[in-house]
C-alpha cells in the first residue's frame, strides 16, 4: 500500500503492532436462531476498567479521525459493515513511535482493537452501507473536561492518506 510519506518518521513496517495495541480475534457462534459474539470480558488480560459503552456510526466513505486520549484506553469493534481503522503512535519515549497500523474490522473480520492512551486513531467506513462501531472505553466521557485531542484527518502531521488505493 503506497502511503503519503511527506513526514518520514516510520520506524516499523505497517504490519508491526504498535506497543500496547491489542488485536483480539472475536469468535462468532452461529446457530439456527442467529449469532452470538462475545466482545469483551472483565477477565480478558487487557481489561483495565469500565467507563461506558457507546455506539458510533459512520457513513460510507466518511473518515472519523484523528484523535487520541491522555488517560483513556479505547476498546472497539465494528459490528455492522466494515471500517479501516488506522492507528499512529506519536508517544514520547515509545519504542514504536512513528509506527502506523491499518486494521480492517467488521463483519468480515470480527476483532476487538485495544488502543492505549496517547495513540492517535480513527477510521473510515469502507462498506457500501453505514458501519456501526461499539466502543468500551476505560473511562467515562467527561463533558466538562473531555480527554480528547483532535488533529485534522487530511491536513495534519500524521503521514497517512485516507484515499482508497485501487490496483
Protein backbone atom coordinates (compact mmCIF):
# COMPACT_ATOMS: atom_id res chain seq x y z
CA UNK A 1 0.00 0.00 0.00
CA UNK A 2 1.52 3.31 -1.07
CA UNK A 3 1.47 5.90 1.69
CA UNK A 4 1.86 9.67 1.71
CA UNK A 5 5.28 9.87 3.28
CA UNK A 6 5.79 13.63 3.50
CA UNK A 7 6.82 13.12 7.14
CA UNK A 8 9.11 10.05 7.00
CA UNK A 9 9.04 9.06 10.68
CA UNK A 10 8.15 5.38 10.20
CA UNK A 11 10.36 3.05 12.21
CA UNK A 12 8.50 -0.23 11.63
CA UNK A 13 6.51 -1.77 8.79
CA UNK A 14 2.76 -1.24 8.77
CA UNK A 15 2.17 -4.83 9.93
CA UNK A 16 4.23 -4.46 13.13
CA UNK A 17 1.87 -3.78 16.04
CA UNK A 18 2.15 -0.52 17.94
CA UNK A 19 3.36 -1.06 21.50
CA UNK A 20 0.36 -1.65 23.78
CA UNK A 21 -2.16 -2.20 20.97
CA UNK A 22 -4.07 -5.48 21.20
CA UNK A 23 -5.97 -7.02 18.30
CA UNK A 24 -8.22 -9.69 19.79
CA UNK A 25 -9.99 -12.03 17.32
CA UNK A 26 -13.66 -12.44 18.18
CA UNK A 27 -15.43 -15.76 17.81
CA UNK A 28 -18.84 -15.75 16.17
CA UNK A 29 -21.08 -18.66 17.16
CA UNK A 30 -23.95 -19.15 14.67
CA UNK A 31 -26.94 -21.43 15.03
CA UNK A 32 -30.46 -21.60 13.57
CA UNK A 33 -31.59 -18.75 15.86
CA UNK A 34 -28.90 -16.24 14.84
CA UNK A 35 -25.37 -15.42 16.02
CA UNK A 36 -23.60 -14.72 19.30
CA UNK A 37 -20.29 -12.87 19.57
CA UNK A 38 -18.56 -12.07 22.86
CA UNK A 39 -16.80 -8.72 22.53
CA UNK A 40 -15.04 -8.28 25.86
CA UNK A 41 -14.94 -9.84 29.31
CA UNK A 42 -13.59 -8.45 32.55
CA UNK A 43 -11.27 -11.48 32.81
CA UNK A 44 -9.57 -10.60 29.49
CA UNK A 45 -5.87 -9.80 30.07
CA UNK A 46 -6.27 -6.30 28.56
CA UNK A 47 -9.33 -5.29 30.61
CA UNK A 48 -8.39 -2.34 32.83
CA UNK A 49 -11.74 -0.99 33.90
CA UNK A 50 -15.06 0.14 32.55
CA UNK A 51 -16.03 3.71 31.71
CA UNK A 52 -19.06 3.42 29.44
CA UNK A 53 -20.31 1.71 26.28
CA UNK A 54 -21.35 3.67 23.23
CA UNK A 55 -22.25 3.21 19.59
CA UNK A 56 -20.77 5.42 16.88
CA UNK A 57 -21.81 5.13 13.25
CA UNK A 58 -20.03 6.22 10.10
CA UNK A 59 -21.45 6.61 6.60
CA UNK A 60 -19.77 5.03 3.54
CA UNK A 61 -16.56 6.78 2.56
CA UNK A 62 -16.55 9.07 5.62
CA UNK A 63 -13.39 9.44 7.75
CA UNK A 64 -13.66 9.93 11.51
CA UNK A 65 -10.10 10.80 12.56
CA UNK A 66 -7.67 11.73 14.14
CA UNK A 67 -7.92 11.84 17.90
CA UNK A 68 -6.18 10.50 20.99
CA UNK A 69 -6.73 10.42 24.75
CA UNK A 70 -4.24 11.22 27.52
CA UNK A 71 -5.90 8.96 30.13
CA UNK A 72 -8.45 6.70 28.44
CA UNK A 73 -7.85 3.44 26.60
CA UNK A 74 -10.33 2.70 23.79
CA UNK A 75 -11.57 -0.82 23.04
CA UNK A 76 -13.70 -1.02 19.94
CA UNK A 77 -15.12 -3.31 17.32
CA UNK A 78 -17.31 -2.85 14.27
CA UNK A 79 -20.48 -4.97 14.42
CA UNK A 80 -22.11 -3.87 11.14
CA UNK A 81 -20.30 -3.00 7.92
CA UNK A 82 -16.53 -2.64 7.63
CA UNK A 83 -14.14 0.08 8.72
CA UNK A 84 -10.49 0.67 8.01
CA UNK A 85 -9.05 1.55 11.42
CA UNK A 86 -5.73 3.40 11.38
CA UNK A 87 -3.52 3.91 14.45
CA UNK A 88 -0.47 6.16 14.70
CA UNK A 89 2.00 6.18 17.59
CA UNK A 90 3.42 9.63 18.37
CA UNK A 91 4.00 8.98 22.09
CA UNK A 92 7.16 10.50 23.51
CA UNK A 93 9.50 7.68 24.58
CA UNK A 94 7.52 4.88 22.90
CA UNK A 95 9.65 2.19 21.27
CA UNK A 96 7.18 2.18 18.34
CA UNK A 97 6.97 5.97 17.94
CA UNK A 98 6.31 6.80 14.29
CA UNK A 99 4.65 3.43 13.61
CA UNK A 100 1.34 3.20 11.81
CA UNK A 101 -1.12 0.26 11.86
CA UNK A 102 -4.00 -0.35 9.46
CA UNK A 103 -6.62 -2.89 10.58
CA UNK A 104 -9.79 -3.80 8.70
CA UNK A 105 -12.50 -4.64 11.20
CA UNK A 106 -16.16 -5.54 10.89
CA UNK A 107 -18.46 -8.26 9.66
CA UNK A 108 -15.73 -9.94 7.58
CA UNK A 109 -13.01 -9.57 10.23
CA UNK A 110 -14.52 -9.57 13.73
CA UNK A 111 -11.80 -8.30 16.06
CA UNK A 112 -11.60 -6.07 19.12
CA UNK A 113 -8.91 -3.39 18.96
CA UNK A 114 -7.45 -2.11 22.22
CA UNK A 115 -5.85 1.33 21.78
CA UNK A 116 -3.73 2.64 24.66
CA UNK A 117 -3.84 6.26 25.74
CA UNK A 118 -1.68 8.52 23.60
CA UNK A 119 -2.09 6.61 20.32
CA UNK A 120 -3.85 8.57 17.55
CA UNK A 121 -6.65 6.67 15.88
CA UNK A 122 -9.55 6.96 13.52
CA UNK A 123 -11.50 5.01 10.96
CA UNK A 124 -13.10 5.17 7.56
CA UNK A 125 -16.22 3.26 6.51
CA UNK A 126 -15.21 1.02 3.62
CA UNK A 127 -18.52 -0.84 3.27
CA UNK A 128 -21.25 0.43 0.97
CA UNK A 129 -23.59 0.93 3.93
CA UNK A 130 -23.36 2.63 7.33
CA UNK A 131 -20.95 0.94 9.75
CA UNK A 132 -21.71 0.53 13.48
CA UNK A 133 -18.75 0.78 15.85
CA UNK A 134 -19.08 -0.14 19.54
CA UNK A 135 -16.52 1.32 21.95
CA UNK A 136 -15.97 0.34 25.58
CA UNK A 137 -13.51 2.96 26.82
CA UNK A 138 -11.77 2.60 30.16
CA UNK A 139 -13.10 5.97 31.40
CA UNK A 140 -16.49 7.69 31.22
CA UNK A 141 -16.71 10.75 28.97
CA UNK A 142 -16.14 13.93 30.98
CA UNK A 143 -18.33 16.62 29.39
CA UNK A 144 -16.71 19.45 31.40
CA UNK A 145 -13.10 18.44 30.64
CA UNK A 146 -13.01 15.98 27.72
CA UNK A 147 -9.97 13.71 27.44
CA UNK A 148 -9.99 14.03 23.66
CA UNK A 149 -7.49 15.77 21.42
CA UNK A 150 -8.08 16.09 17.67
CA UNK A 151 -5.98 16.56 14.54
CA UNK A 152 -7.35 17.17 11.02
CA UNK A 153 -7.56 13.86 9.10
CA UNK A 154 -6.31 15.31 5.82
CA UNK A 155 -4.12 18.33 6.66
CA UNK A 156 -2.34 17.28 9.85
CA UNK A 157 1.13 15.99 10.60
CA UNK A 158 0.16 12.31 10.60
CA UNK A 159 1.68 10.69 7.49
CA UNK A 160 -1.38 8.88 6.15
CA UNK A 161 -3.56 9.36 3.08
CA UNK A 162 -7.16 8.19 3.66
CA UNK A 163 -7.88 7.88 -0.09
CA UNK A 164 -8.86 4.46 -1.40
CA UNK A 165 -5.99 2.55 -3.01
CA UNK A 166 -7.06 0.66 -6.14
CA UNK A 167 -4.78 -1.64 -8.05
